[in-house]
Amino acid sequence: MIIVLRPDATDADLDHIVKKLRDLGLQAHISKGVERTLVGAIGDEAVLRSIPLEAFPGVENVLPILKPFKLASRDFRKENSIVRIGNVEVGAGRIAVIAGPCAVENRTLMVEIAKGVKEGGANLLRGGAFKPRTSPYAFQGLEEEGLKYLVEARERTGLPIVTEVMDPRDIQLIAEHADVLQIGARNMQNFRLLKDVGLCKKPVLLKRGISATIKEWLMSAEYIMAGGNHQVILCERGIRTYETETRNTLDLAAIPVLKKLTHLPVIVDPSHAVGKRDLVAPMAKAAVAAGADGLLIEVHANPEEALCDGEQSLKPAAFKQLMDDLRPIARAVGREI
């Protein structure tokens, strides 16, 4: 249920409603909009129906949330959510650009790439310290050592860090180093992991699963938000189809669909979607034109020797050129980059 408070509702009215809901074993999630304060009452529907919510002081209206994803729904929050990462706002008027290598390989290279993407115009830095790989024999990442290299790169450039968490046991360690916790496509429905990052105070970048529907994706976001962490960024990274000319099929239609269904910011990872360096720039441009709030671009100083995903990584000079090319497209859709 959504409890809509009157404009003249007091803080005491709000506190009374929240206390009553929690006393009954229900969750109360508060959303303060420009004109109205909303309280999302989540829990046993039989209990919800038994409470005369309309009779509570300060209540203007009570509305059911029809979508299975309650907190992520536009019904719960009409305004676009903005996720703040340091001085970067994802979901505001400026398109956020996250760039860096697929994996942290060594200290010198990580710092070099970080400087390159900063010069090119990126405002967040990506790099995998823990790497999920299809083959158990492939490079699995430097783990804690890689996190330390990312921290040094942040200190040298000022770019906040985005890195992946694969295991609930690693959340505390990664959260101590990173600014954003990434949930990869393979873990989109790892519900234990989602619940645990929901208890964390760090922003979460949630990638779409390789065969996930938009509804399933939003339900995964709901797991995180139900734990109390509403700082969720959705990342479209391509889905598996019958087409084999690209690594995955980038679902650009997901951007406007999500904009209708959810208030959460939506970014696009064209690198993993296409898997080919020469296709990254065209799809990045298309994503901006379609309304994406940000991009996730793989950049490597020497892609030919990259330990993973070198074939889809841009060199720093090509990344800088892409950023230049994106600016007029962003302006055409009322954004900046």
C-alpha atoms as a PDB file:
ATOM      1  CA  MET A   1       0.000   0.000   0.000  1.00  0.00           C
ATOM      2  CA  ILE A   2       1.023   3.620  -0.557  1.00  0.00           C
ATOM      3  CA  ILE A   3      -0.075   5.991   2.188  1.00  0.00           C
ATOM      4  CA  VAL A   4      -0.264   9.530   0.824  1.00  0.00           C
ATOM      5  CA  LEU A   5       0.062  12.221   3.494  1.00  0.00           C
ATOM      6  CA  ARG A   6      -1.634  15.589   3.315  1.00  0.00           C
ATOM      7  CA  PRO A   7       0.563  18.651   2.686  1.00  0.00           C
ATOM      8  CA  ASP A   8      -0.136  19.819   6.263  1.00  0.00           C
ATOM      9  CA  ALA A   9       0.747  16.467   7.861  1.00  0.00           C
ATOM     10  CA  THR A  10       3.181  16.865  10.736  1.00  0.00           C
ATOM     11  CA  ASP A  11       6.302  14.897  11.621  1.00  0.00           C
ATOM     12  CA  ALA A  12       4.341  13.519  14.568  1.00  0.00           C
ATOM     13  CA  ASP A  13       1.663  12.207  12.175  1.00  0.00           C
ATOM     14  CA  LEU A  14       4.355  10.501  10.091  1.00  0.00           C
ATOM     15  CA  ASP A  15       6.064   8.997  13.147  1.00  0.00           C
ATOM     16  CA  HIS A  16       2.745   7.658  14.428  1.00  0.00           C
ATOM     17  CA  ILE A  17       1.983   5.893  11.123  1.00  0.00           C
ATOM     18  CA  VAL A  18       5.472   4.399  10.848  1.00  0.00           C
ATOM     19  CA  LYS A  19       5.395   3.153  14.452  1.00  0.00           C
ATOM     20  CA  LYS A  20       1.986   1.539  13.971  1.00  0.00           C
ATOM     21  CA  LEU A  21       3.104  -0.263  10.820  1.00  0.00           C
ATOM     22  CA  ARG A  22       6.293  -1.561  12.405  1.00  0.00           C
ATOM     23  CA  ASP A  23       4.455  -2.683  15.545  1.00  0.00           C
ATOM     24  CA  LEU A  24       2.339  -4.884  13.255  1.00  0.00           C
ATOM     25  CA  GLY A  25       5.421  -6.445  11.665  1.00  0.00           C
ATOM     26  CA  LEU A  26       5.179  -4.403   8.459  1.00  0.00           C
ATOM     27  CA  GLN A  27       7.903  -2.451   6.695  1.00  0.00           C
ATOM     28  CA  ALA A  28       7.530   1.312   6.330  1.00  0.00           C
ATOM     29  CA  HIS A  29       9.524   3.047   3.600  1.00  0.00           C
ATOM     30  CA  ILE A  30       9.330   6.841   3.449  1.00  0.00           C
ATOM     31  CA  SER A  31       9.570   8.807   0.197  1.00  0.00           C
ATOM     32  CA  LYS A  32       9.526  12.599   0.502  1.00  0.00           C
ATOM     33  CA  GLY A  33       8.603  14.165  -2.821  1.00  0.00           C
ATOM     34  CA  VAL A  34       8.289  17.778  -3.896  1.00  0.00           C
ATOM     35  CA  GLU A  35       4.574  17.987  -3.061  1.00  0.00           C
ATOM     36  CA  ARG A  36       3.754  14.944  -0.956  1.00  0.00           C
ATOM     37  CA  THR A  37       5.286  12.532   1.515  1.00  0.00           C
ATOM     38  CA  LEU A  38       4.521   8.894   0.786  1.00  0.00           C
ATOM     39  CA  VAL A  39       4.830   5.906   3.080  1.00  0.00           C
ATOM     40  CA  GLY A  40       5.201   2.531   1.426  1.00  0.00           C
ATOM     41  CA  ALA A  41       3.626  -0.100   3.671  1.00  0.00           C
ATOM     42  CA  ILE A  42       5.053  -3.498   2.724  1.00  0.00           C
ATOM     43  CA  GLY A  43       4.146  -6.861   4.222  1.00  0.00           C
ATOM     44  CA  ASP A  44       1.267  -9.256   4.833  1.00  0.00           C
ATOM     45  CA  GLU A  45      -1.645  -8.024   2.708  1.00  0.00           C
ATOM     46  CA  ALA A  46      -4.203  -9.438   5.146  1.00  0.00           C
ATOM     47  CA  VAL A  47      -2.714  -7.294   7.916  1.00  0.00           C
ATOM     48  CA  LEU A  48      -2.643  -4.251   5.643  1.00  0.00           C
ATOM     49  CA  ARG A  49      -6.307  -4.665   4.749  1.00  0.00           C
ATOM     50  CA  SER A  50      -7.243  -4.904   8.428  1.00  0.00           C
ATOM     51  CA  ILE A  51      -5.836  -1.468   9.315  1.00  0.00           C
ATOM     52  CA  PRO A  52      -8.076   1.605   8.778  1.00  0.00           C
ATOM     53  CA  LEU A  53      -5.175   3.594   7.346  1.00  0.00           C
ATOM     54  CA  GLU A  54      -7.440   6.346   6.003  1.00  0.00           C
ATOM     55  CA  ALA A  55      -8.434   7.171   9.586  1.00  0.00           C
ATOM     56  CA  PHE A  56      -4.899   7.987  10.709  1.00  0.00           C
ATOM     57  CA  PRO A  57      -4.094  11.688  11.324  1.00  0.00           C
ATOM     58  CA  GLY A  58      -2.428  13.330   8.335  1.00  0.00           C
ATOM     59  CA  VAL A  59      -3.472  10.688   5.782  1.00  0.00           C
ATOM     60  CA  GLU A  60      -4.957  11.977   2.551  1.00  0.00           C
ATOM     61  CA  ASN A  61      -5.301   8.753   0.577  1.00  0.00           C
ATOM     62  CA  VAL A  62      -4.318   5.085   0.515  1.00  0.00           C
ATOM     63  CA  LEU A  63      -3.495   3.419  -2.789  1.00  0.00           C
ATOM     64  CA  PRO A  64      -2.578  -0.182  -3.627  1.00  0.00           C
ATOM     65  CA  ILE A  65       0.697  -0.870  -5.425  1.00  0.00           C
ATOM     66  CA  LEU A  66      -0.250  -3.251  -8.205  1.00  0.00           C
ATOM     67  CA  LYS A  67       3.270  -4.030  -9.391  1.00  0.00           C
ATOM     68  CA  PRO A  68       5.085  -6.922  -7.668  1.00  0.00           C
ATOM     69  CA  PHE A  69       8.110  -4.640  -7.315  1.00  0.00           C
ATOM     70  CA  LYS A  70       6.776  -2.194  -4.745  1.00  0.00           C
ATOM     71  CA  LEU A  71       9.635   0.090  -3.762  1.00  0.00           C
ATOM     72  CA  ALA A  72      11.189   0.215  -7.234  1.00  0.00           C
ATOM     73  CA  SER A  73       7.877   1.137  -8.835  1.00  0.00           C
ATOM     74  CA  ARG A  74       6.869   4.545 -10.203  1.00  0.00           C
ATOM     75  CA  ASP A  75       3.743   4.093  -8.088  1.00  0.00           C
ATOM     76  CA  PHE A  76       5.871   4.448  -4.958  1.00  0.00           C
ATOM     77  CA  ARG A  77       7.968   7.367  -6.209  1.00  0.00           C
ATOM     78  CA  LYS A  78       6.966   9.582  -9.123  1.00  0.00           C
ATOM     79  CA  GLU A  79      10.184  11.612  -9.246  1.00  0.00           C
ATOM     80  CA  ASN A  80      13.369  10.112 -10.675  1.00  0.00           C
ATOM     81  CA  SER A  81      15.712   8.870  -7.969  1.00  0.00           C
ATOM     82  CA  ILE A  82      19.215  10.316  -7.959  1.00  0.00           C
ATOM     83  CA  VAL A  83      22.051   8.183  -6.606  1.00  0.00           C
ATOM     84  CA  ARG A  84      24.902  10.298  -5.263  1.00  0.00           C
ATOM     85  CA  ILE A  85      28.449   8.950  -5.360  1.00  0.00           C
ATOM     86  CA  GLY A  86      30.740  11.606  -3.952  1.00  0.00           C
ATOM     87  CA  ASN A  87      30.241  14.611  -6.230  1.00  0.00           C
ATOM     88  CA  VAL A  88      28.680  12.485  -8.988  1.00  0.00           C
ATOM     89  CA  GLU A  89      24.903  12.295  -9.370  1.00  0.00           C
ATOM     90  CA  VAL A  90      23.513   9.357 -11.349  1.00  0.00           C
ATOM     91  CA  GLY A  91      20.007  10.034 -12.587  1.00  0.00           C
ATOM     92  CA  ALA A  92      20.296  13.814 -12.740  1.00  0.00           C
ATOM     93  CA  GLY A  93      20.772  15.923 -15.864  1.00  0.00           C
ATOM     94  CA  ARG A  94      24.386  14.949 -16.408  1.00  0.00           C
ATOM     95  CA  ILE A  95      25.210  11.554 -17.890  1.00  0.00           C
ATOM     96  CA  ALA A  96      27.531   9.588 -15.608  1.00  0.00           C
ATOM     97  CA  VAL A  97      30.386   7.769 -17.338  1.00  0.00           C
ATOM     98  CA  ILE A  98      32.106   4.853 -15.606  1.00  0.00           C
ATOM     99  CA  ALA A  99      35.270   3.695 -17.365  1.00  0.00           C
ATOM    100  CA  GLY A 100      38.241   1.445 -16.747  1.00  0.00           C
ATOM    101  CA  PRO A 101      39.543  -2.071 -17.334  1.00  0.00           C
ATOM    102  CA  CYS A 102      37.581  -5.275 -16.999  1.00  0.00           C
ATOM    103  CA  ALA A 103      40.053  -6.467 -14.367  1.00  0.00           C
ATOM    104  CA  VAL A 104      42.687  -4.907 -12.157  1.00  0.00           C
ATOM    105  CA  GLU A 105      45.908  -6.496 -13.446  1.00  0.00           C
ATOM    106  CA  ASN A 106      48.697  -4.611 -11.676  1.00  0.00           C
ATOM    107  CA  ARG A 107      49.328  -1.353  -9.837  1.00  0.00           C
ATOM    108  CA  THR A 108      51.132   0.565 -12.589  1.00  0.00           C
ATOM    109  CA  LEU A 109      48.605  -0.280 -15.292  1.00  0.00           C
ATOM    110  CA  MET A 110      45.618   0.494 -13.062  1.00  0.00           C
ATOM    111  CA  VAL A 111      46.913   3.965 -12.241  1.00  0.00           C
ATOM    112  CA  GLU A 112      47.800   4.606 -15.895  1.00  0.00           C
ATOM    113  CA  ILE A 113      44.325   3.650 -17.108  1.00  0.00           C
ATOM    114  CA  ALA A 114      42.666   5.680 -14.351  1.00  0.00           C
ATOM    115  CA  LYS A 115      44.579   8.779 -15.416  1.00  0.00           C
ATOM    116  CA  GLY A 116      43.644   8.112 -19.042  1.00  0.00           C
ATOM    117  CA  VAL A 117      39.907   7.811 -18.412  1.00  0.00           C
ATOM    118  CA  LYS A 118      39.954  10.857 -16.117  1.00  0.00           C
ATOM    119  CA  GLU A 119      41.605  12.886 -18.880  1.00  0.00           C
ATOM    120  CA  GLY A 120      39.048  11.524 -21.342  1.00  0.00           C
ATOM    121  CA  GLY A 121      36.134  12.778 -19.267  1.00  0.00           C
ATOM    122  CA  ALA A 122      35.019   9.815 -17.110  1.00  0.00           C
ATOM    123  CA  ASN A 123      33.704  10.653 -13.657  1.00  0.00           C
ATOM    124  CA  LEU A 124      33.827   7.159 -12.112  1.00  0.00           C
ATOM    125  CA  LEU A 125      36.409   4.374 -12.327  1.00  0.00           C
ATOM    126  CA  ARG A 126      35.637   0.696 -12.855  1.00  0.00           C
ATOM    127  CA  GLY A 127      37.880  -2.303 -12.348  1.00  0.00           C
ATOM    128  CA  GLY A 128      37.291  -5.883 -11.250  1.00  0.00           C
ATOM    129  CA  ALA A 129      39.274  -7.129  -8.256  1.00  0.00           C
ATOM    130  CA  PHE A 130      37.105 -10.251  -7.901  1.00  0.00           C
ATOM    131  CA  LYS A 131      36.311 -11.683 -11.343  1.00  0.00           C
ATOM    132  CA  PRO A 132      33.534 -14.182 -12.157  1.00  0.00           C
ATOM    133  CA  ARG A 133      34.756 -16.218 -15.129  1.00  0.00           C
ATOM    134  CA  THR A 134      33.123 -18.991 -17.111  1.00  0.00           C
ATOM    135  CA  SER A 135      36.296 -21.067 -16.951  1.00  0.00           C
ATOM    136  CA  PRO A 136      37.821 -21.940 -13.559  1.00  0.00           C
ATOM    137  CA  TYR A 137      41.237 -21.680 -15.238  1.00  0.00           C
ATOM    138  CA  ALA A 138      40.797 -18.083 -16.414  1.00  0.00           C
ATOM    139  CA  PHE A 139      42.182 -15.090 -14.498  1.00  0.00           C
ATOM    140  CA  GLN A 140      40.057 -14.674 -11.359  1.00  0.00           C
ATOM    141  CA  GLY A 141      41.301 -11.264 -10.234  1.00  0.00           C
ATOM    142  CA  LEU A 142      43.803  -9.997  -7.655  1.00  0.00           C
ATOM    143  CA  GLU A 143      41.142  -9.773  -4.919  1.00  0.00           C
ATOM    144  CA  GLU A 144      42.249  -7.677  -1.906  1.00  0.00           C
ATOM    145  CA  GLU A 145      45.492  -6.664  -3.610  1.00  0.00           C
ATOM    146  CA  GLY A 146      43.434  -5.403  -6.552  1.00  0.00           C
ATOM    147  CA  LEU A 147      41.235  -3.354  -4.224  1.00  0.00           C
ATOM    148  CA  LYS A 148      44.331  -1.602  -2.879  1.00  0.00           C
ATOM    149  CA  TYR A 149      45.399  -0.700  -6.427  1.00  0.00           C
ATOM    150  CA  LEU A 150      41.944   0.717  -7.086  1.00  0.00           C
ATOM    151  CA  VAL A 151      42.179   2.835  -3.944  1.00  0.00           C
ATOM    152  CA  GLU A 152      45.548   4.194  -5.063  1.00  0.00           C
ATOM    153  CA  ALA A 153      44.070   5.004  -8.488  1.00  0.00           C
ATOM    154  CA  ARG A 154      41.243   6.870  -6.758  1.00  0.00           C
ATOM    155  CA  GLU A 155      43.732   8.818  -4.652  1.00  0.00           C
ATOM    156  CA  ARG A 156      45.686   9.786  -7.774  1.00  0.00           C
ATOM    157  CA  THR A 157      42.658  10.827  -9.851  1.00  0.00           C
ATOM    158  CA  GLY A 158      39.771  11.564  -7.487  1.00  0.00           C
ATOM    159  CA  LEU A 159      37.513   9.130  -9.371  1.00  0.00           C
ATOM    160  CA  PRO A 160      35.123   7.080  -7.186  1.00  0.00           C
ATOM    161  CA  ILE A 161      35.481   3.298  -7.547  1.00  0.00           C
ATOM    162  CA  VAL A 162      32.945   0.823  -8.946  1.00  0.00           C
ATOM    163  CA  THR A 163      33.866  -2.836  -8.434  1.00  0.00           C
ATOM    164  CA  GLU A 164      32.075  -6.168  -8.320  1.00  0.00           C
ATOM    165  CA  VAL A 165      31.100  -8.192  -5.279  1.00  0.00           C
ATOM    166  CA  MET A 166      30.426 -11.905  -5.849  1.00  0.00           C
ATOM    167  CA  ASP A 167      30.157 -13.367  -2.368  1.00  0.00           C
ATOM    168  CA  PRO A 168      28.357 -12.118   0.768  1.00  0.00           C
ATOM    169  CA  ARG A 169      31.511 -12.899   2.730  1.00  0.00           C
ATOM    170  CA  ASP A 170      33.415 -10.229   0.759  1.00  0.00           C
ATOM    171  CA  ILE A 171      30.912  -7.374   1.132  1.00  0.00           C
ATOM    172  CA  GLN A 172      32.526  -5.762   4.182  1.00  0.00           C
ATOM    173  CA  LEU A 173      36.019  -5.895   2.677  1.00  0.00           C
ATOM    174  CA  ILE A 174      34.914  -4.456  -0.667  1.00  0.00           C
ATOM    175  CA  ALA A 175      32.706  -1.803   0.949  1.00  0.00           C
ATOM    176  CA  GLU A 176      35.720  -0.589   2.934  1.00  0.00           C
ATOM    177  CA  HIS A 177      37.528   0.145  -0.336  1.00  0.00           C
ATOM    178  CA  ALA A 178      34.909   0.829  -3.022  1.00  0.00           C
ATOM    179  CA  ASP A 179      32.345   3.594  -3.501  1.00  0.00           C
ATOM    180  CA  VAL A 180      29.854   1.462  -5.480  1.00  0.00           C
ATOM    181  CA  LEU A 181      29.186  -2.273  -5.206  1.00  0.00           C
ATOM    182  CA  GLN A 182      28.472  -3.911  -8.553  1.00  0.00           C
ATOM    183  CA  ILE A 183      26.269  -7.004  -8.787  1.00  0.00           C
ATOM    184  CA  GLY A 184      27.188  -8.762 -12.014  1.00  0.00           C
ATOM    185  CA  ALA A 185      24.846 -10.423 -14.491  1.00  0.00           C
ATOM    186  CA  ARG A 186      25.619 -13.888 -13.164  1.00  0.00           C
ATOM    187  CA  ASN A 187      24.575 -12.848  -9.659  1.00  0.00           C
ATOM    188  CA  MET A 188      21.450 -10.846 -10.473  1.00  0.00           C
ATOM    189  CA  GLN A 189      19.326 -13.544  -8.839  1.00  0.00           C
ATOM    190  CA  ASN A 190      21.736 -14.501  -6.080  1.00  0.00           C
ATOM    191  CA  PHE A 191      19.134 -13.554  -3.495  1.00  0.00           C
ATOM    192  CA  ARG A 192      21.362 -14.025  -0.444  1.00  0.00           C
ATOM    193  CA  LEU A 193      23.868 -11.602  -1.963  1.00  0.00           C
ATOM    194  CA  LEU A 194      21.100  -9.123  -2.842  1.00  0.00           C
ATOM    195  CA  LYS A 195      19.727  -9.236   0.701  1.00  0.00           C
ATOM    196  CA  ASP A 196      23.155  -8.611   2.192  1.00  0.00           C
ATOM    197  CA  VAL A 197      24.023  -5.630  -0.041  1.00  0.00           C
ATOM    198  CA  GLY A 198      20.558  -4.342   0.861  1.00  0.00           C
ATOM    199  CA  LEU A 199      21.848  -3.983   4.416  1.00  0.00           C
ATOM    200  CA  CYS A 200      24.908  -2.082   3.200  1.00  0.00           C
ATOM    201  CA  LYS A 201      24.954   1.717   2.954  1.00  0.00           C
ATOM    202  CA  LYS A 202      26.890   1.801  -0.320  1.00  0.00           C
ATOM    203  CA  PRO A 203      25.255   2.470  -3.713  1.00  0.00           C
ATOM    204  CA  VAL A 204      24.674  -0.706  -5.747  1.00  0.00           C
ATOM    205  CA  LEU A 205      25.010  -1.079  -9.506  1.00  0.00           C
ATOM    206  CA  LEU A 206      22.756  -3.989 -10.501  1.00  0.00           C
ATOM    207  CA  LYS A 207      23.425  -5.564 -13.896  1.00  0.00           C
ATOM    208  CA  ARG A 208      20.685  -7.343 -15.799  1.00  0.00           C
ATOM    209  CA  GLY A 209      20.982 -11.115 -15.882  1.00  0.00           C
ATOM    210  CA  ILE A 210      21.914 -12.675 -19.181  1.00  0.00           C
ATOM    211  CA  SER A 211      18.423 -14.131 -19.736  1.00  0.00           C
ATOM    212  CA  ALA A 212      16.407 -12.015 -17.297  1.00  0.00           C
ATOM    213  CA  THR A 213      13.165 -10.271 -18.097  1.00  0.00           C
ATOM    214  CA  ILE A 214      12.732  -6.653 -17.052  1.00  0.00           C
ATOM    215  CA  LYS A 215      10.285  -7.752 -14.345  1.00  0.00           C
ATOM    216  CA  GLU A 216      12.782 -10.259 -12.924  1.00  0.00           C
ATOM    217  CA  TRP A 217      15.462  -7.569 -12.967  1.00  0.00           C
ATOM    218  CA  LEU A 218      13.257  -5.127 -11.068  1.00  0.00           C
ATOM    219  CA  MET A 219      12.355  -7.825  -8.555  1.00  0.00           C
ATOM    220  CA  SER A 220      16.088  -8.242  -7.881  1.00  0.00           C
ATOM    221  CA  ALA A 221      16.317  -4.489  -7.285  1.00  0.00           C
ATOM    222  CA  GLU A 222      13.383  -4.892  -4.909  1.00  0.00           C
ATOM    223  CA  TYR A 223      15.381  -7.385  -2.803  1.00  0.00           C
ATOM    224  CA  ILE A 224      18.080  -4.749  -2.292  1.00  0.00           C
ATOM    225  CA  MET A 225      15.605  -1.957  -1.558  1.00  0.00           C
ATOM    226  CA  ALA A 226      13.566  -4.102   0.830  1.00  0.00           C
ATOM    227  CA  GLY A 227      16.693  -4.365   2.972  1.00  0.00           C
ATOM    228  CA  GLY A 228      16.751  -0.588   3.333  1.00  0.00           C
ATOM    229  CA  ASN A 229      19.257   0.344   0.608  1.00  0.00           C
ATOM    230  CA  HIS A 230      17.446   2.459  -1.996  1.00  0.00           C
ATOM    231  CA  GLN A 231      20.651   3.552  -3.742  1.00  0.00           C
ATOM    232  CA  VAL A 232      20.239   1.217  -6.717  1.00  0.00           C
ATOM    233  CA  ILE A 233      21.423   1.847 -10.283  1.00  0.00           C
ATOM    234  CA  LEU A 234      20.189  -0.489 -13.016  1.00  0.00           C
ATOM    235  CA  CYS A 235      22.644  -1.485 -15.755  1.00  0.00           C
ATOM    236  CA  GLU A 236      21.517  -2.948 -19.092  1.00  0.00           C
ATOM    237  CA  ARG A 237      24.424  -5.038 -20.446  1.00  0.00           C
ATOM    238  CA  GLY A 238      22.840  -7.125 -23.168  1.00  0.00           C
ATOM    239  CA  ILE A 239      20.834 -10.333 -23.051  1.00  0.00           C
ATOM    240  CA  ARG A 240      21.265 -13.721 -24.668  1.00  0.00           C
ATOM    241  CA  THR A 241      19.339 -14.231 -27.909  1.00  0.00           C
ATOM    242  CA  TYR A 242      19.725 -16.397 -31.005  1.00  0.00           C
ATOM    243  CA  GLU A 243      22.016 -13.797 -32.601  1.00  0.00           C
ATOM    244  CA  THR A 244      25.707 -14.712 -32.613  1.00  0.00           C
ATOM    245  CA  GLU A 245      27.316 -11.751 -34.394  1.00  0.00           C
ATOM    246  CA  THR A 246      27.631  -9.893 -31.103  1.00  0.00           C
ATOM    247  CA  ARG A 247      28.516 -11.172 -27.658  1.00  0.00           C
ATOM    248  CA  ASN A 248      24.990 -10.380 -26.430  1.00  0.00           C
ATOM    249  CA  THR A 249      22.033  -8.394 -27.768  1.00  0.00           C
ATOM    250  CA  LEU A 250      21.815  -4.885 -26.339  1.00  0.00           C
ATOM    251  CA  ASP A 251      18.186  -4.248 -25.390  1.00  0.00           C
ATOM    252  CA  LEU A 252      17.933  -0.495 -25.924  1.00  0.00           C
ATOM    253  CA  ALA A 253      14.139  -0.692 -25.632  1.00  0.00           C
ATOM    254  CA  ALA A 254      14.679  -1.540 -21.968  1.00  0.00           C
ATOM    255  CA  ILE A 255      15.676   2.075 -21.299  1.00  0.00           C
ATOM    256  CA  PRO A 256      12.325   3.750 -22.112  1.00  0.00           C
ATOM    257  CA  VAL A 257      10.431   0.769 -20.687  1.00  0.00           C
ATOM    258  CA  LEU A 258      12.259   1.113 -17.374  1.00  0.00           C
ATOM    259  CA  LYS A 259      11.714   4.861 -17.356  1.00  0.00           C
ATOM    260  CA  LYS A 260       7.973   4.142 -17.316  1.00  0.00           C
ATOM    261  CA  LEU A 261       8.113   1.376 -14.719  1.00  0.00           C
ATOM    262  CA  THR A 262      10.688   2.591 -12.215  1.00  0.00           C
ATOM    263  CA  HIS A 263      12.177   5.718 -10.701  1.00  0.00           C
ATOM    264  CA  LEU A 264      15.647   4.150 -10.476  1.00  0.00           C
ATOM    265  CA  PRO A 265      18.445   5.459 -12.737  1.00  0.00           C
ATOM    266  CA  VAL A 266      19.343   3.333 -15.767  1.00  0.00           C
ATOM    267  CA  ILE A 267      22.800   3.058 -17.319  1.00  0.00           C
ATOM    268  CA  VAL A 268      24.088   0.978 -20.234  1.00  0.00           C
ATOM    269  CA  ASP A 269      27.190  -1.189 -20.664  1.00  0.00           C
ATOM    270  CA  PRO A 270      27.754  -1.387 -24.441  1.00  0.00           C
ATOM    271  CA  SER A 271      31.129  -3.108 -24.020  1.00  0.00           C
ATOM    272  CA  HIS A 272      29.726  -6.357 -22.617  1.00  0.00           C
ATOM    273  CA  ALA A 273      26.677  -6.133 -24.851  1.00  0.00           C
ATOM    274  CA  VAL A 274      28.523  -6.156 -28.175  1.00  0.00           C
ATOM    275  CA  GLY A 275      31.879  -7.696 -27.249  1.00  0.00           C
ATOM    276  CA  LYS A 276      33.622  -5.985 -30.177  1.00  0.00           C
ATOM    277  CA  ARG A 277      35.639  -2.788 -29.898  1.00  0.00           C
ATOM    278  CA  ASP A 278      34.380  -1.213 -33.123  1.00  0.00           C
ATOM    279  CA  LEU A 279      30.731  -1.571 -32.038  1.00  0.00           C
ATOM    280  CA  VAL A 280      31.088   0.009 -28.607  1.00  0.00           C
ATOM    281  CA  ALA A 281      30.962   3.647 -29.755  1.00  0.00           C
ATOM    282  CA  PRO A 282      27.841   3.319 -31.968  1.00  0.00           C
ATOM    283  CA  MET A 283      25.899   1.562 -29.207  1.00  0.00           C
ATOM    284  CA  ALA A 284      27.075   4.039 -26.562  1.00  0.00           C
ATOM    285  CA  LYS A 285      25.720   6.844 -28.747  1.00  0.00           C
ATOM    286  CA  ALA A 286      22.452   4.988 -29.233  1.00  0.00           C
ATOM    287  CA  ALA A 287      22.112   4.452 -25.488  1.00  0.00           C
ATOM    288  CA  VAL A 288      22.506   8.170 -24.778  1.00  0.00           C
ATOM    289  CA  ALA A 289      19.954   8.995 -27.484  1.00  0.00           C
ATOM    290  CA  ALA A 290      17.529   6.471 -25.959  1.00  0.00           C
ATOM    291  CA  GLY A 291      17.664   8.222 -22.572  1.00  0.00           C
ATOM    292  CA  ALA A 292      20.281   6.349 -20.528  1.00  0.00           C
ATOM    293  CA  ASP A 293      21.465   8.071 -17.354  1.00  0.00           C
ATOM    294  CA  GLY A 294      24.993   6.777 -17.758  1.00  0.00           C
ATOM    295  CA  LEU A 295      27.455   4.490 -19.519  1.00  0.00           C
ATOM    296  CA  LEU A 296      29.865   1.778 -18.384  1.00  0.00           C
ATOM    297  CA  ILE A 297      32.796   1.572 -20.833  1.00  0.00           C
ATOM    298  CA  GLU A 298      35.755  -0.798 -20.747  1.00  0.00           C
ATOM    299  CA  VAL A 299      39.073   0.963 -21.364  1.00  0.00           C
ATOM    300  CA  HIS A 300      42.546  -0.570 -21.393  1.00  0.00           C
ATOM    301  CA  ALA A 301      45.934   0.942 -22.246  1.00  0.00           C
ATOM    302  CA  ASN A 302      47.018  -2.203 -24.096  1.00  0.00           C
ATOM    303  CA  PRO A 303      43.956  -4.299 -25.046  1.00  0.00           C
ATOM    304  CA  GLU A 304      46.053  -6.829 -26.962  1.00  0.00           C
ATOM    305  CA  GLU A 305      47.641  -7.950 -23.685  1.00  0.00           C
ATOM    306  CA  ALA A 306      44.597  -7.576 -21.412  1.00  0.00           C
ATOM    307  CA  LEU A 307      43.954 -10.550 -19.133  1.00  0.00           C
ATOM    308  CA  CYS A 308      40.238 -10.424 -19.945  1.00  0.00           C
ATOM    309  CA  ASP A 309      37.903  -8.746 -22.450  1.00  0.00           C
ATOM    310  CA  GLY A 310      40.639  -7.023 -24.428  1.00  0.00           C
ATOM    311  CA  GLU A 311      38.638  -7.454 -27.642  1.00  0.00           C
ATOM    312  CA  GLN A 312      35.938  -5.077 -26.381  1.00  0.00           C
ATOM    313  CA  SER A 313      38.155  -2.544 -24.611  1.00  0.00           C
ATOM    314  CA  LEU A 314      38.807   0.918 -26.027  1.00  0.00           C
ATOM    315  CA  LYS A 315      42.202   2.542 -25.799  1.00  0.00           C
ATOM    316  CA  PRO A 316      42.247   5.823 -23.834  1.00  0.00           C
ATOM    317  CA  ALA A 317      42.511   7.930 -27.021  1.00  0.00           C
ATOM    318  CA  ALA A 318      39.478   6.189 -28.540  1.00  0.00           C
ATOM    319  CA  PHE A 319      37.584   6.668 -25.281  1.00  0.00           C
ATOM    320  CA  LYS A 320      38.340  10.390 -25.306  1.00  0.00           C
ATOM    321  CA  GLN A 321      37.119  10.633 -28.907  1.00  0.00           C
ATOM    322  CA  LEU A 322      33.913   8.825 -27.963  1.00  0.00           C
ATOM    323  CA  MET A 323      33.306  11.284 -25.138  1.00  0.00           C
ATOM    324  CA  ASP A 324      33.717  14.180 -27.562  1.00  0.00           C
ATOM    325  CA  ASP A 325      31.303  12.545 -29.995  1.00  0.00           C
ATOM    326  CA  LEU A 326      28.711  11.952 -27.260  1.00  0.00           C
ATOM    327  CA  ARG A 327      28.402  15.590 -26.187  1.00  0.00           C
ATOM    328  CA  PRO A 328      26.211  16.842 -29.057  1.00  0.00           C
ATOM    329  CA  ILE A 329      24.009  13.748 -28.762  1.00  0.00           C
ATOM    330  CA  ALA A 330      23.564  14.368 -25.054  1.00  0.00           C
ATOM    331  CA  ARG A 331      22.646  18.017 -25.713  1.00  0.00           C
ATOM    332  CA  ALA A 332      20.083  16.916 -28.305  1.00  0.00           C
ATOM    333  CA  VAL A 333      18.181  14.969 -25.626  1.00  0.00           C
ATOM    334  CA  GLY A 334      18.512  17.654 -22.964  1.00  0.00           C
ATOM    335  CA  ARG A 335      21.498  16.206 -21.123  1.00  0.00           C
ATOM    336  CA  GLU A 336      25.145  17.012 -20.508  1.00  0.00           C
ATOM    337  CA  ILE A 337      28.159  14.741 -20.444  1.00  0.00           C
END
